[in-house]
Amino acid sequence: MVISLENSITQAEQTLRKGGYDSLAEQVRLYLEKIIKPDLKNLIEEIIGQPILDPIANTNLATGRTGIVVILKQLR
């Protein structure tokens, strides 16, 4: 399953980028994704009604888009 999010950049990340701190903004994004990963996994499982193995996310700070690939558990 693939999920695409628009305008997924926080105000703090935008401010860091505007100030020329692109590297710091990317680090903030990596930590945010790591912190919210368990909640994201639980939310997606609740929405689709199926267990998942792993949500894999990547954000492009320049475009403000986040792509999430969800690996589903094998159903028997």
N, C-alpha and C. Protein backbone atom coordinates (compact mmCIF):
# COMPACT_ATOMS: atom_id res chain seq x y z
N MET A 1 0.85 -1.16 0.00
CA MET A 1 0.00 0.00 0.00
C MET A 1 0.90 1.23 0.00
N VAL A 2 0.50 2.24 -0.75
CA VAL A 2 1.26 3.49 -0.82
C VAL A 2 0.35 4.64 -0.42
N ILE A 3 0.86 5.54 0.41
CA ILE A 3 0.11 6.71 0.86
C ILE A 3 0.95 7.95 0.52
N SER A 4 0.30 8.96 -0.02
CA SER A 4 0.98 10.21 -0.34
C SER A 4 0.33 11.34 0.45
N LEU A 5 1.15 12.14 1.14
CA LEU A 5 0.66 13.27 1.93
C LEU A 5 1.19 14.57 1.35
N GLU A 6 0.33 15.55 1.20
CA GLU A 6 0.73 16.87 0.72
C GLU A 6 0.86 17.80 1.93
N ASN A 7 1.70 18.79 1.81
CA ASN A 7 1.87 19.81 2.85
C ASN A 7 2.15 19.18 4.22
N SER A 8 3.08 18.27 4.26
CA SER A 8 3.36 17.53 5.49
C SER A 8 4.55 18.08 6.28
N ILE A 9 5.01 19.26 5.92
CA ILE A 9 6.17 19.86 6.58
C ILE A 9 5.69 20.74 7.73
N THR A 10 6.33 20.60 8.90
CA THR A 10 5.95 21.41 10.05
C THR A 10 6.44 22.85 9.89
N GLN A 11 5.84 23.74 10.66
CA GLN A 11 6.26 25.15 10.64
C GLN A 11 7.73 25.27 11.05
N ALA A 12 8.15 24.48 12.02
CA ALA A 12 9.55 24.52 12.46
C ALA A 12 10.50 24.12 11.33
N GLU A 13 10.14 23.09 10.58
CA GLU A 13 10.97 22.66 9.45
C GLU A 13 11.02 23.74 8.37
N GLN A 14 9.89 24.36 8.10
CA GLN A 14 9.86 25.44 7.12
C GLN A 14 10.75 26.61 7.55
N THR A 15 10.67 26.95 8.82
CA THR A 15 11.48 28.05 9.35
C THR A 15 12.96 27.74 9.27
N LEU A 16 13.34 26.52 9.61
CA LEU A 16 14.75 26.11 9.51
C LEU A 16 15.23 26.20 8.06
N ARG A 17 14.41 25.75 7.13
CA ARG A 17 14.81 25.81 5.71
C ARG A 17 14.95 27.26 5.25
N LYS A 18 14.02 28.11 5.64
CA LYS A 18 14.08 29.53 5.24
C LYS A 18 15.33 30.19 5.80
N GLY A 19 15.77 29.74 6.97
CA GLY A 19 16.97 30.29 7.59
C GLY A 19 18.26 29.68 7.07
N GLY A 20 18.16 28.77 6.13
CA GLY A 20 19.35 28.16 5.55
C GLY A 20 19.86 26.94 6.30
N TYR A 21 19.04 26.40 7.19
CA TYR A 21 19.44 25.24 7.99
C TYR A 21 18.78 23.97 7.45
N ASP A 22 18.99 23.72 6.15
CA ASP A 22 18.37 22.56 5.51
C ASP A 22 18.77 21.25 6.18
N SER A 23 20.04 21.12 6.52
CA SER A 23 20.52 19.89 7.14
C SER A 23 19.85 19.65 8.49
N LEU A 24 19.69 20.70 9.27
CA LEU A 24 19.02 20.56 10.57
C LEU A 24 17.54 20.22 10.38
N ALA A 25 16.90 20.84 9.38
CA ALA A 25 15.50 20.53 9.09
C ALA A 25 15.34 19.06 8.72
N GLU A 26 16.29 18.52 7.95
CA GLU A 26 16.24 17.10 7.59
C GLU A 26 16.43 16.21 8.81
N GLN A 27 17.32 16.60 9.72
CA GLN A 27 17.52 15.83 10.95
C GLN A 27 16.26 15.84 11.80
N VAL A 28 15.62 17.00 11.91
CA VAL A 28 14.37 17.11 12.67
C VAL A 28 13.33 16.16 12.07
N ARG A 29 13.21 16.16 10.75
CA ARG A 29 12.24 15.30 10.08
C ARG A 29 12.53 13.83 10.36
N LEU A 30 13.78 13.42 10.30
CA LEU A 30 14.14 12.03 10.57
C LEU A 30 13.76 11.62 11.99
N TYR A 31 14.02 12.51 12.95
CA TYR A 31 13.64 12.20 14.34
C TYR A 31 12.12 12.16 14.50
N LEU A 32 11.42 13.08 13.87
CA LEU A 32 9.96 13.07 13.96
C LEU A 32 9.39 11.78 13.40
N GLU A 33 9.89 11.36 12.24
CA GLU A 33 9.39 10.13 11.64
C GLU A 33 9.68 8.92 12.53
N LYS A 34 10.84 8.91 13.16
CA LYS A 34 11.19 7.81 14.06
C LYS A 34 10.26 7.78 15.27
N ILE A 35 9.96 8.95 15.82
CA ILE A 35 9.12 9.05 17.02
C ILE A 35 7.67 8.67 16.72
N ILE A 36 7.15 9.11 15.57
CA ILE A 36 5.73 8.86 15.29
C ILE A 36 5.47 7.53 14.59
N LYS A 37 6.52 6.81 14.23
CA LYS A 37 6.35 5.56 13.49
C LYS A 37 5.41 4.56 14.18
N PRO A 38 5.53 4.31 15.49
CA PRO A 38 4.60 3.37 16.13
C PRO A 38 3.14 3.85 16.07
N ASP A 39 2.92 5.15 16.28
CA ASP A 39 1.56 5.69 16.21
C ASP A 39 1.01 5.61 14.79
N LEU A 40 1.86 5.90 13.82
CA LEU A 40 1.47 5.82 12.42
C LEU A 40 1.06 4.39 12.07
N LYS A 41 1.86 3.44 12.51
CA LYS A 41 1.57 2.03 12.26
C LYS A 41 0.20 1.65 12.85
N ASN A 42 -0.03 2.04 14.09
CA ASN A 42 -1.30 1.72 14.75
C ASN A 42 -2.49 2.39 14.06
N LEU A 43 -2.33 3.63 13.65
CA LEU A 43 -3.40 4.36 12.98
C LEU A 43 -3.75 3.72 11.64
N ILE A 44 -2.74 3.37 10.86
CA ILE A 44 -2.99 2.74 9.56
C ILE A 44 -3.66 1.38 9.75
N GLU A 45 -3.19 0.61 10.73
CA GLU A 45 -3.82 -0.70 11.00
C GLU A 45 -5.29 -0.51 11.37
N GLU A 46 -5.57 0.50 12.17
CA GLU A 46 -6.96 0.76 12.57
C GLU A 46 -7.82 1.14 11.36
N ILE A 47 -7.27 1.96 10.48
CA ILE A 47 -8.02 2.42 9.31
C ILE A 47 -8.28 1.29 8.32
N ILE A 48 -7.26 0.49 8.03
CA ILE A 48 -7.43 -0.55 7.00
C ILE A 48 -7.93 -1.87 7.57
N GLY A 49 -7.89 -2.00 8.90
CA GLY A 49 -8.39 -3.22 9.52
C GLY A 49 -7.52 -4.43 9.28
N GLN A 50 -6.24 -4.22 9.01
CA GLN A 50 -5.30 -5.31 8.77
C GLN A 50 -3.99 -5.01 9.47
N PRO A 51 -3.31 -6.06 9.93
CA PRO A 51 -1.99 -5.85 10.53
C PRO A 51 -0.96 -5.50 9.47
N ILE A 52 0.01 -4.66 9.84
CA ILE A 52 1.09 -4.34 8.92
C ILE A 52 2.43 -4.64 9.59
N LEU A 53 3.41 -4.93 8.76
CA LEU A 53 4.75 -5.21 9.26
C LEU A 53 5.51 -3.92 9.53
N ASP A 54 5.44 -2.99 8.56
CA ASP A 54 6.30 -1.83 8.67
C ASP A 54 5.80 -0.69 7.80
N PRO A 55 5.65 0.51 8.37
CA PRO A 55 5.44 1.68 7.53
C PRO A 55 6.80 2.31 7.23
N ILE A 56 7.06 2.60 5.96
CA ILE A 56 8.33 3.20 5.56
C ILE A 56 8.00 4.57 4.98
N ALA A 57 8.54 5.63 5.59
CA ALA A 57 8.20 6.99 5.17
C ALA A 57 9.43 7.75 4.71
N ASN A 58 9.19 8.65 3.76
CA ASN A 58 10.24 9.55 3.31
C ASN A 58 9.58 10.88 2.94
N THR A 59 10.18 11.97 3.42
CA THR A 59 9.64 13.30 3.17
C THR A 59 10.61 14.12 2.34
N ASN A 60 10.07 14.81 1.35
CA ASN A 60 10.85 15.74 0.56
C ASN A 60 10.55 17.13 1.09
N LEU A 61 11.51 17.72 1.79
CA LEU A 61 11.29 19.02 2.40
C LEU A 61 11.10 20.13 1.37
N ALA A 62 11.67 19.97 0.19
CA ALA A 62 11.54 20.98 -0.85
C ALA A 62 10.12 21.05 -1.41
N THR A 63 9.46 19.89 -1.53
CA THR A 63 8.11 19.86 -2.10
C THR A 63 7.02 19.79 -1.04
N GLY A 64 7.40 19.42 0.19
CA GLY A 64 6.41 19.29 1.25
C GLY A 64 5.58 18.03 1.17
N ARG A 65 6.07 17.06 0.41
CA ARG A 65 5.33 15.80 0.25
C ARG A 65 6.00 14.68 1.04
N THR A 66 5.15 13.82 1.59
CA THR A 66 5.62 12.62 2.27
C THR A 66 5.03 11.41 1.58
N GLY A 67 5.86 10.43 1.32
CA GLY A 67 5.40 9.16 0.78
C GLY A 67 5.55 8.09 1.84
N ILE A 68 4.53 7.29 2.00
CA ILE A 68 4.56 6.21 2.98
C ILE A 68 4.24 4.91 2.25
N VAL A 69 5.13 3.94 2.39
CA VAL A 69 4.89 2.61 1.86
C VAL A 69 4.60 1.72 3.06
N VAL A 70 3.51 1.00 2.98
CA VAL A 70 3.10 0.13 4.09
C VAL A 70 3.25 -1.32 3.64
N ILE A 71 4.06 -2.06 4.38
CA ILE A 71 4.25 -3.49 4.10
C ILE A 71 3.22 -4.25 4.94
N LEU A 72 2.32 -4.95 4.25
CA LEU A 72 1.26 -5.69 4.93
C LEU A 72 1.77 -7.06 5.35
N LYS A 73 1.24 -7.54 6.46
CA LYS A 73 1.52 -8.92 6.86
C LYS A 73 0.79 -9.85 5.91
N GLN A 74 1.37 -11.01 5.72
CA GLN A 74 0.73 -11.99 4.84
C GLN A 74 -0.55 -12.48 5.48
N LEU A 75 -1.62 -12.42 4.75
CA LEU A 75 -2.91 -12.91 5.25
C LEU A 75 -3.08 -14.37 4.88
N ARG A 76 -3.60 -15.13 5.79
CA ARG A 76 -3.78 -16.57 5.55
C ARG A 76 -5.22 -16.92 5.55
